Every structure is written in C-alpha cells, then in structure tokens.
Amino acid sequence: MLLLFFGMLLTDKQQAQHDRTELAMYQRLQTDQALIADIWHPSGRLVADLRKARACYTKFHLYKAPNCETELSQMDRDLGEVELAQSRDQ
C-alpha cells in the first residue's frame, strides 16, 4: 500500500513538471507568434518553423513528444536573424 502511495506521488510530481513545461512552451510560442505577426512579410521558413513548433507542442501536450527544444530553438534562431537584419536596415 505504501509503495502504491509513493508511486502515485511520483506520478503527480511528474505531471506537475509536465504541466509547468507545457505552460512555459505555450507562453514562448505565444510570444514568438506575436513577434512574427509584427513582421511585415515574414519569411516562409519562419512561418514553417512556427508551424513545426506548434505541431510539436501539440504532440508534447498529448505525451507523444519528450520535448520541443529543437523546434523552439530553430524558431528563435530565425527570429534572431530577422532582428539582426532589421537592425542593419535602420
């Protein structure tokens, strides 16, 4: 009985961690989506990367992906390139 209790506690802890990670990913996607919306003509690559990151987020939500760091990092790199190009133009 005690083993079952500790097993449930661990599961609750894992679920809480998953929920925190999911919230952080959601907030990051919302921020990135707002940044992309402010770009006059976002590149096709940037839009495709956003689509991939959102698809990965859905998979993470459904417990079908361990994380989405690769997709989110790629989108951040692309956004960084856009910001760098915009700063050069000014």
PDB file of N, CA and C in Angstrom:
ATOM      1  N   MET A   1       0.821  -1.185   0.000  1.00  0.00           N
ATOM      2  CA  MET A   1       0.000   0.000   0.000  1.00  0.00           C
ATOM      3  C   MET A   1       0.875   1.263   0.000  1.00  0.00           C
ATOM      4  N   LEU A   2       1.934   1.232   0.813  1.00  0.00           N
ATOM      5  CA  LEU A   2       2.841   2.369   0.883  1.00  0.00           C
ATOM      6  C   LEU A   2       3.547   2.582  -0.455  1.00  0.00           C
ATOM      7  N   LEU A   3       3.895   1.497  -1.132  1.00  0.00           N
ATOM      8  CA  LEU A   3       4.539   1.587  -2.439  1.00  0.00           C
ATOM      9  C   LEU A   3       3.601   2.235  -3.452  1.00  0.00           C
ATOM     10  N   LEU A   4       2.342   1.889  -3.397  1.00  0.00           N
ATOM     11  CA  LEU A   4       1.353   2.482  -4.298  1.00  0.00           C
ATOM     12  C   LEU A   4       1.251   3.987  -4.058  1.00  0.00           C
ATOM     13  N   PHE A   5       1.274   4.393  -2.792  1.00  0.00           N
ATOM     14  CA  PHE A   5       1.205   5.813  -2.459  1.00  0.00           C
ATOM     15  C   PHE A   5       2.397   6.570  -3.041  1.00  0.00           C
ATOM     16  N   PHE A   6       3.617   6.023  -2.872  1.00  0.00           N
ATOM     17  CA  PHE A   6       4.799   6.686  -3.415  1.00  0.00           C
ATOM     18  C   PHE A   6       4.782   6.695  -4.943  1.00  0.00           C
ATOM     19  N   GLY A   7       4.227   5.648  -5.533  1.00  0.00           N
ATOM     20  CA  GLY A   7       4.091   5.607  -6.985  1.00  0.00           C
ATOM     21  C   GLY A   7       3.154   6.689  -7.488  1.00  0.00           C
ATOM     22  N   MET A   8       2.070   6.913  -6.782  1.00  0.00           N
ATOM     23  CA  MET A   8       1.128   7.966  -7.159  1.00  0.00           C
ATOM     24  C   MET A   8       1.731   9.349  -6.939  1.00  0.00           C
ATOM     25  N   LEU A   9       2.498   9.508  -5.865  1.00  0.00           N
ATOM     26  CA  LEU A   9       3.139  10.780  -5.575  1.00  0.00           C
ATOM     27  C   LEU A   9       4.126  11.138  -6.680  1.00  0.00           C
ATOM     28  N   LEU A  10       4.904  10.190  -7.110  1.00  0.00           N
ATOM     29  CA  LEU A  10       5.858  10.414  -8.189  1.00  0.00           C
ATOM     30  C   LEU A  10       5.126  10.791  -9.465  1.00  0.00           C
ATOM     31  N   THR A  11       4.020  10.123  -9.730  1.00  0.00           N
ATOM     32  CA  THR A  11       3.243  10.423 -10.919  1.00  0.00           C
ATOM     33  C   THR A  11       2.698  11.849 -10.842  1.00  0.00           C
ATOM     34  N   ASP A  12       2.203  12.262  -9.684  1.00  0.00           N
ATOM     35  CA  ASP A  12       1.719  13.629  -9.517  1.00  0.00           C
ATOM     36  C   ASP A  12       2.844  14.633  -9.719  1.00  0.00           C
ATOM     37  N   LYS A  13       4.023  14.308  -9.214  1.00  0.00           N
ATOM     38  CA  LYS A  13       5.182  15.183  -9.367  1.00  0.00           C
ATOM     39  C   LYS A  13       5.568  15.289 -10.846  1.00  0.00           C
ATOM     40  N   GLN A  14       5.564  14.168 -11.535  1.00  0.00           N
ATOM     41  CA  GLN A  14       5.886  14.176 -12.961  1.00  0.00           C
ATOM     42  C   GLN A  14       4.840  14.967 -13.748  1.00  0.00           C
ATOM     43  N   GLN A  15       3.578  14.814 -13.366  1.00  0.00           N
ATOM     44  CA  GLN A  15       2.509  15.549 -14.049  1.00  0.00           C
ATOM     45  C   GLN A  15       2.659  17.047 -13.818  1.00  0.00           C
ATOM     46  N   ALA A  16       2.991  17.433 -12.605  1.00  0.00           N
ATOM     47  CA  ALA A  16       3.194  18.851 -12.301  1.00  0.00           C
ATOM     48  C   ALA A  16       4.351  19.416 -13.118  1.00  0.00           C
ATOM     49  N   GLN A  17       5.437  18.648 -13.252  1.00  0.00           N
ATOM     50  CA  GLN A  17       6.577  19.091 -14.065  1.00  0.00           C
ATOM     51  C   GLN A  17       6.172  19.214 -15.531  1.00  0.00           C
ATOM     52  N   HIS A  18       5.419  18.252 -16.021  1.00  0.00           N
ATOM     53  CA  HIS A  18       4.951  18.288 -17.403  1.00  0.00           C
ATOM     54  C   HIS A  18       4.081  19.526 -17.620  1.00  0.00           C
ATOM     55  N   ASP A  19       3.210  19.825 -16.678  1.00  0.00           N
ATOM     56  CA  ASP A  19       2.328  20.988 -16.794  1.00  0.00           C
ATOM     57  C   ASP A  19       3.123  22.291 -16.801  1.00  0.00           C
ATOM     58  N   ARG A  20       4.155  22.391 -15.957  1.00  0.00           N
ATOM     59  CA  ARG A  20       4.987  23.596 -15.937  1.00  0.00           C
ATOM     60  C   ARG A  20       5.733  23.758 -17.259  1.00  0.00           C
ATOM     61  N   THR A  21       6.266  22.666 -17.766  1.00  0.00           N
ATOM     62  CA  THR A  21       6.980  22.708 -19.038  1.00  0.00           C
ATOM     63  C   THR A  21       6.043  23.097 -20.166  1.00  0.00           C
ATOM     64  N   GLU A  22       4.854  22.528 -20.157  1.00  0.00           N
ATOM     65  CA  GLU A  22       3.870  22.826 -21.193  1.00  0.00           C
ATOM     66  C   GLU A  22       3.470  24.302 -21.158  1.00  0.00           C
ATOM     67  N   LEU A  23       3.266  24.855 -19.971  1.00  0.00           N
ATOM     68  CA  LEU A  23       2.915  26.265 -19.846  1.00  0.00           C
ATOM     69  C   LEU A  23       4.037  27.158 -20.363  1.00  0.00           C
ATOM     70  N   ALA A  24       5.270  26.824 -20.022  1.00  0.00           N
ATOM     71  CA  ALA A  24       6.408  27.609 -20.496  1.00  0.00           C
ATOM     72  C   ALA A  24       6.498  27.560 -22.026  1.00  0.00           C
ATOM     73  N   MET A  25       6.279  26.385 -22.604  1.00  0.00           N
ATOM     74  CA  MET A  25       6.313  26.255 -24.060  1.00  0.00           C
ATOM     75  C   MET A  25       5.191  27.066 -24.690  1.00  0.00           C
ATOM     76  N   TYR A  26       4.003  27.016 -24.103  1.00  0.00           N
ATOM     77  CA  TYR A  26       2.860  27.756 -24.636  1.00  0.00           C
ATOM     78  C   TYR A  26       3.140  29.256 -24.614  1.00  0.00           C
ATOM     79  N   GLN A  27       3.675  29.749 -23.505  1.00  0.00           N
ATOM     80  CA  GLN A  27       3.976  31.178 -23.402  1.00  0.00           C
ATOM     81  C   GLN A  27       5.050  31.582 -24.406  1.00  0.00           C
ATOM     82  N   ARG A  28       6.024  30.730 -24.579  1.00  0.00           N
ATOM     83  CA  ARG A  28       7.093  31.001 -25.549  1.00  0.00           C
ATOM     84  C   ARG A  28       6.530  31.046 -26.968  1.00  0.00           C
ATOM     85  N   LEU A  29       5.640  30.109 -27.289  1.00  0.00           N
ATOM     86  CA  LEU A  29       5.023  30.102 -28.618  1.00  0.00           C
ATOM     87  C   LEU A  29       4.169  31.344 -28.835  1.00  0.00           C
ATOM     88  N   GLN A  30       3.427  31.755 -27.820  1.00  0.00           N
ATOM     89  CA  GLN A  30       2.589  32.945 -27.951  1.00  0.00           C
ATOM     90  C   GLN A  30       3.450  34.187 -28.183  1.00  0.00           C
ATOM     91  N   THR A  31       4.545  34.296 -27.457  1.00  0.00           N
ATOM     92  CA  THR A  31       5.453  35.434 -27.619  1.00  0.00           C
ATOM     93  C   THR A  31       6.050  35.438 -29.025  1.00  0.00           C
ATOM     94  N   ASP A  32       6.528  34.278 -29.461  1.00  0.00           N
ATOM     95  CA  ASP A  32       7.130  34.184 -30.796  1.00  0.00           C
ATOM     96  C   ASP A  32       6.097  34.465 -31.884  1.00  0.00           C
ATOM     97  N   GLN A  33       4.884  33.991 -31.689  1.00  0.00           N
ATOM     98  CA  GLN A  33       3.829  34.226 -32.670  1.00  0.00           C
ATOM     99  C   GLN A  33       3.518  35.728 -32.764  1.00  0.00           C
ATOM    100  N   ALA A  34       3.511  36.422 -31.637  1.00  0.00           N
ATOM    101  CA  ALA A  34       3.276  37.864 -31.640  1.00  0.00           C
ATOM    102  C   ALA A  34       4.417  38.593 -32.356  1.00  0.00           C
ATOM    103  N   LEU A  35       5.647  38.152 -32.126  1.00  0.00           N
ATOM    104  CA  LEU A  35       6.794  38.762 -32.815  1.00  0.00           C
ATOM    105  C   LEU A  35       6.699  38.559 -34.324  1.00  0.00           C
ATOM    106  N   ILE A  36       6.296  37.371 -34.727  1.00  0.00           N
ATOM    107  CA  ILE A  36       6.169  37.072 -36.154  1.00  0.00           C
ATOM    108  C   ILE A  36       5.040  37.889 -36.761  1.00  0.00           C
ATOM    109  N   ALA A  37       3.962  38.082 -36.012  1.00  0.00           N
ATOM    110  CA  ALA A  37       2.830  38.863 -36.512  1.00  0.00           C
ATOM    111  C   ALA A  37       3.222  40.320 -36.755  1.00  0.00           C
ATOM    112  N   ASP A  38       4.220  40.821 -36.028  1.00  0.00           N
ATOM    113  CA  ASP A  38       4.671  42.202 -36.193  1.00  0.00           C
ATOM    114  C   ASP A  38       5.588  42.392 -37.399  1.00  0.00           C
ATOM    115  N   ILE A  39       6.041  41.310 -37.982  1.00  0.00           N
ATOM    116  CA  ILE A  39       6.924  41.385 -39.152  1.00  0.00           C
ATOM    117  C   ILE A  39       6.064  41.595 -40.393  1.00  0.00           C
ATOM    118  N   TRP A  40       6.454  42.563 -41.215  1.00  0.00           N
ATOM    119  CA  TRP A  40       5.641  42.914 -42.383  1.00  0.00           C
ATOM    120  C   TRP A  40       5.452  41.715 -43.313  1.00  0.00           C
ATOM    121  N   HIS A  41       6.509  41.100 -43.754  1.00  0.00           N
ATOM    122  CA  HIS A  41       6.449  39.910 -44.609  1.00  0.00           C
ATOM    123  C   HIS A  41       7.389  38.855 -44.023  1.00  0.00           C
ATOM    124  N   PRO A  42       6.888  38.034 -43.098  1.00  0.00           N
ATOM    125  CA  PRO A  42       7.778  37.009 -42.525  1.00  0.00           C
ATOM    126  C   PRO A  42       8.183  35.997 -43.587  1.00  0.00           C
ATOM    127  N   SER A  43       9.370  35.485 -43.452  1.00  0.00           N
ATOM    128  CA  SER A  43       9.858  34.516 -44.434  1.00  0.00           C
ATOM    129  C   SER A  43       9.069  33.216 -44.318  1.00  0.00           C
ATOM    130  N   GLY A  44       9.060  32.488 -45.405  1.00  0.00           N
ATOM    131  CA  GLY A  44       8.374  31.198 -45.415  1.00  0.00           C
ATOM    132  C   GLY A  44       8.991  30.227 -44.419  1.00  0.00           C
ATOM    133  N   ARG A  45      10.307  30.322 -44.255  1.00  0.00           N
ATOM    134  CA  ARG A  45      10.999  29.447 -43.317  1.00  0.00           C
ATOM    135  C   ARG A  45      10.564  29.729 -41.885  1.00  0.00           C
ATOM    136  N   LEU A  46      10.407  31.010 -41.557  1.00  0.00           N
ATOM    137  CA  LEU A  46       9.983  31.397 -40.216  1.00  0.00           C
ATOM    138  C   LEU A  46       8.564  30.905 -39.933  1.00  0.00           C
ATOM    139  N   VAL A  47       7.688  31.051 -40.886  1.00  0.00           N
ATOM    140  CA  VAL A  47       6.307  30.589 -40.722  1.00  0.00           C
ATOM    141  C   VAL A  47       6.270  29.063 -40.615  1.00  0.00           C
ATOM    142  N   ALA A  48       7.078  28.387 -41.429  1.00  0.00           N
ATOM    143  CA  ALA A  48       7.132  26.920 -41.373  1.00  0.00           C
ATOM    144  C   ALA A  48       7.682  26.449 -40.032  1.00  0.00           C
ATOM    145  N   ASP A  49       8.690  27.156 -39.514  1.00  0.00           N
ATOM    146  CA  ASP A  49       9.240  26.782 -38.213  1.00  0.00           C
ATOM    147  C   ASP A  49       8.218  26.986 -37.095  1.00  0.00           C
ATOM    148  N   LEU A  50       7.437  28.042 -37.190  1.00  0.00           N
ATOM    149  CA  LEU A  50       6.372  28.260 -36.208  1.00  0.00           C
ATOM    150  C   LEU A  50       5.360  27.123 -36.270  1.00  0.00           C
ATOM    151  N   ARG A  51       5.019  26.715 -37.478  1.00  0.00           N
ATOM    152  CA  ARG A  51       4.070  25.608 -37.653  1.00  0.00           C
ATOM    153  C   ARG A  51       4.625  24.316 -37.046  1.00  0.00           C
ATOM    154  N   LYS A  52       5.915  24.052 -37.268  1.00  0.00           N
ATOM    155  CA  LYS A  52       6.545  22.851 -36.708  1.00  0.00           C
ATOM    156  C   LYS A  52       6.569  22.906 -35.184  1.00  0.00           C
ATOM    157  N   ALA A  53       6.865  24.076 -34.636  1.00  0.00           N
ATOM    158  CA  ALA A  53       6.908  24.223 -33.177  1.00  0.00           C
ATOM    159  C   ALA A  53       5.522  24.032 -32.572  1.00  0.00           C
ATOM    160  N   ARG A  54       4.505  24.559 -33.218  1.00  0.00           N
ATOM    161  CA  ARG A  54       3.139  24.384 -32.709  1.00  0.00           C
ATOM    162  C   ARG A  54       2.710  22.916 -32.796  1.00  0.00           C
ATOM    163  N   ALA A  55       3.106  22.240 -33.874  1.00  0.00           N
ATOM    164  CA  ALA A  55       2.780  20.814 -34.012  1.00  0.00           C
ATOM    165  C   ALA A  55       3.493  20.009 -32.935  1.00  0.00           C
ATOM    166  N   CYS A  56       4.735  20.353 -32.651  1.00  0.00           N
ATOM    167  CA  CYS A  56       5.477  19.656 -31.603  1.00  0.00           C
ATOM    168  C   CYS A  56       4.837  19.922 -30.243  1.00  0.00           C
ATOM    169  N   TYR A  57       4.397  21.153 -30.014  1.00  0.00           N
ATOM    170  CA  TYR A  57       3.723  21.483 -28.756  1.00  0.00           C
ATOM    171  C   TYR A  57       2.482  20.605 -28.576  1.00  0.00           C
ATOM    172  N   THR A  58       1.733  20.406 -29.646  1.00  0.00           N
ATOM    173  CA  THR A  58       0.548  19.553 -29.574  1.00  0.00           C
ATOM    174  C   THR A  58       0.942  18.123 -29.240  1.00  0.00           C
ATOM    175  N   LYS A  59       2.007  17.637 -29.860  1.00  0.00           N
ATOM    176  CA  LYS A  59       2.485  16.285 -29.553  1.00  0.00           C
ATOM    177  C   LYS A  59       2.927  16.181 -28.096  1.00  0.00           C
ATOM    178  N   PHE A  60       3.606  17.222 -27.593  1.00  0.00           N
ATOM    179  CA  PHE A  60       4.034  17.228 -26.200  1.00  0.00           C
ATOM    180  C   PHE A  60       2.815  17.195 -25.278  1.00  0.00           C
ATOM    181  N   HIS A  61       1.811  17.969 -25.624  1.00  0.00           N
ATOM    182  CA  HIS A  61       0.586  18.006 -24.834  1.00  0.00           C
ATOM    183  C   HIS A  61      -0.065  16.625 -24.758  1.00  0.00           C
ATOM    184  N   LEU A  62       0.025  15.890 -25.836  1.00  0.00           N
ATOM    185  CA  LEU A  62      -0.568  14.547 -25.908  1.00  0.00           C
ATOM    186  C   LEU A  62       0.403  13.455 -25.465  1.00  0.00           C
ATOM    187  N   TYR A  63       1.543  13.848 -24.894  1.00  0.00           N
ATOM    188  CA  TYR A  63       2.564  12.919 -24.392  1.00  0.00           C
ATOM    189  C   TYR A  63       3.177  12.068 -25.510  1.00  0.00           C
ATOM    190  N   LYS A  64       3.243  12.621 -26.700  1.00  0.00           N
ATOM    191  CA  LYS A  64       3.822  11.889 -27.823  1.00  0.00           C
ATOM    192  C   LYS A  64       5.202  12.405 -28.201  1.00  0.00           C
ATOM    193  N   ALA A  65       5.659  13.461 -27.512  1.00  0.00           N
ATOM    194  CA  ALA A  65       6.999  14.007 -27.747  1.00  0.00           C
ATOM    195  C   ALA A  65       7.627  14.338 -26.394  1.00  0.00           C
ATOM    196  N   PRO A  66       8.905  14.000 -26.210  1.00  0.00           N
ATOM    197  CA  PRO A  66       9.536  14.259 -24.911  1.00  0.00           C
ATOM    198  C   PRO A  66       9.790  15.742 -24.660  1.00  0.00           C
ATOM    199  N   ASN A  67      10.080  16.512 -25.708  1.00  0.00           N
ATOM    200  CA  ASN A  67      10.271  17.958 -25.597  1.00  0.00           C
ATOM    201  C   ASN A  67      10.246  18.557 -26.995  1.00  0.00           C
ATOM    202  N   CYS A  68      10.308  19.868 -27.059  1.00  0.00           N
ATOM    203  CA  CYS A  68      10.282  20.559 -28.353  1.00  0.00           C
ATOM    204  C   CYS A  68      11.419  21.567 -28.459  1.00  0.00           C
ATOM    205  N   GLU A  69      12.477  21.326 -27.746  1.00  0.00           N
ATOM    206  CA  GLU A  69      13.583  22.281 -27.698  1.00  0.00           C
ATOM    207  C   GLU A  69      14.194  22.511 -29.077  1.00  0.00           C
ATOM    208  N   THR A  70      14.292  21.490 -29.886  1.00  0.00           N
ATOM    209  CA  THR A  70      14.880  21.641 -31.222  1.00  0.00           C
ATOM    210  C   THR A  70      14.051  22.598 -32.066  1.00  0.00           C
ATOM    211  N   GLU A  71      12.739  22.381 -32.093  1.00  0.00           N
ATOM    212  CA  GLU A  71      11.851  23.216 -32.892  1.00  0.00           C
ATOM    213  C   GLU A  71      11.820  24.655 -32.378  1.00  0.00           C
ATOM    214  N   LEU A  72      11.733  24.814 -31.060  1.00  0.00           N
ATOM    215  CA  LEU A  72      11.695  26.155 -30.485  1.00  0.00           C
ATOM    216  C   LEU A  72      13.014  26.888 -30.691  1.00  0.00           C
ATOM    217  N   SER A  73      14.123  26.182 -30.581  1.00  0.00           N
ATOM    218  CA  SER A  73      15.432  26.802 -30.792  1.00  0.00           C
ATOM    219  C   SER A  73      15.602  27.260 -32.239  1.00  0.00           C
ATOM    220  N   GLN A  74      15.130  26.455 -33.172  1.00  0.00           N
ATOM    221  CA  GLN A  74      15.225  26.827 -34.585  1.00  0.00           C
ATOM    222  C   GLN A  74      14.411  28.096 -34.854  1.00  0.00           C
ATOM    223  N   MET A  75      13.234  28.175 -34.272  1.00  0.00           N
ATOM    224  CA  MET A  75      12.401  29.355 -34.464  1.00  0.00           C
ATOM    225  C   MET A  75      13.074  30.583 -33.840  1.00  0.00           C
ATOM    226  N   ASP A  76      13.688  30.416 -32.677  1.00  0.00           N
ATOM    227  CA  ASP A  76      14.390  31.519 -32.038  1.00  0.00           C
ATOM    228  C   ASP A  76      15.583  31.986 -32.875  1.00  0.00           C
ATOM    229  N   ARG A  77      16.306  31.042 -33.476  1.00  0.00           N
ATOM    230  CA  ARG A  77      17.427  31.413 -34.351  1.00  0.00           C
ATOM    231  C   ARG A  77      16.935  32.228 -35.541  1.00  0.00           C
ATOM    232  N   ASP A  78      15.830  31.775 -36.144  1.00  0.00           N
ATOM    233  CA  ASP A  78      15.273  32.504 -37.284  1.00  0.00           C
ATOM    234  C   ASP A  78      14.812  33.900 -36.882  1.00  0.00           C
ATOM    235  N   LEU A  79      14.178  34.013 -35.715  1.00  0.00           N
ATOM    236  CA  LEU A  79      13.752  35.329 -35.234  1.00  0.00           C
ATOM    237  C   LEU A  79      14.960  36.225 -34.958  1.00  0.00           C
ATOM    238  N   GLY A  80      16.023  35.640 -34.443  1.00  0.00           N
ATOM    239  CA  GLY A  80      17.250  36.401 -34.203  1.00  0.00           C
ATOM    240  C   GLY A  80      17.834  36.940 -35.492  1.00  0.00           C
ATOM    241  N   GLU A  81      17.785  36.132 -36.553  1.00  0.00           N
ATOM    242  CA  GLU A  81      18.284  36.583 -37.852  1.00  0.00           C
ATOM    243  C   GLU A  81      17.445  37.732 -38.387  1.00  0.00           C
ATOM    244  N   VAL A  82      16.132  37.665 -38.183  1.00  0.00           N
ATOM    245  CA  VAL A  82      15.243  38.735 -38.635  1.00  0.00           C
ATOM    246  C   VAL A  82      15.547  40.022 -37.868  1.00  0.00           C
ATOM    247  N   GLU A  83      15.704  39.908 -36.555  1.00  0.00           N
ATOM    248  CA  GLU A  83      16.000  41.087 -35.745  1.00  0.00           C
ATOM    249  C   GLU A  83      17.350  41.685 -36.127  1.00  0.00           C
ATOM    250  N   LEU A  84      18.315  40.837 -36.414  1.00  0.00           N
ATOM    251  CA  LEU A  84      19.632  41.315 -36.836  1.00  0.00           C
ATOM    252  C   LEU A  84      19.523  42.053 -38.166  1.00  0.00           C
ATOM    253  N   ALA A  85      18.773  41.500 -39.104  1.00  0.00           N
ATOM    254  CA  ALA A  85      18.597  42.138 -40.411  1.00  0.00           C
ATOM    255  C   ALA A  85      17.858  43.465 -40.268  1.00  0.00           C
ATOM    256  N   GLN A  86      16.877  43.532 -39.389  1.00  0.00           N
ATOM    257  CA  GLN A  86      16.141  44.767 -39.178  1.00  0.00           C
ATOM    258  C   GLN A  86      17.025  45.834 -38.555  1.00  0.00           C
ATOM    259  N   SER A  87      17.902  45.437 -37.648  1.00  0.00           N
ATOM    260  CA  SER A  87      18.793  46.416 -37.003  1.00  0.00           C
ATOM    261  C   SER A  87      19.805  46.958 -38.016  1.00  0.00           C
ATOM    262  N   ARG A  88      20.216  46.145 -38.981  1.00  0.00           N
ATOM    263  CA  ARG A  88      21.145  46.610 -40.018  1.00  0.00           C
ATOM    264  C   ARG A  88      20.480  47.622 -40.947  1.00  0.00           C
ATOM    265  N   ASP A  89      19.168  47.411 -41.192  1.00  0.00           N
ATOM    266  CA  ASP A  89      18.447  48.290 -42.102  1.00  0.00           C
ATOM    267  C   ASP A  89      18.205  49.686 -41.514  1.00  0.00           C
ATOM    268  N   GLN A  90      18.257  49.805 -40.211  1.00  0.00           N
ATOM    269  CA  GLN A  90      17.936  51.092 -39.592  1.00  0.00           C
ATOM    270  C   GLN A  90      19.097  52.004 -39.529  1.00  0.00           C
TER     271      GLN A  90
END
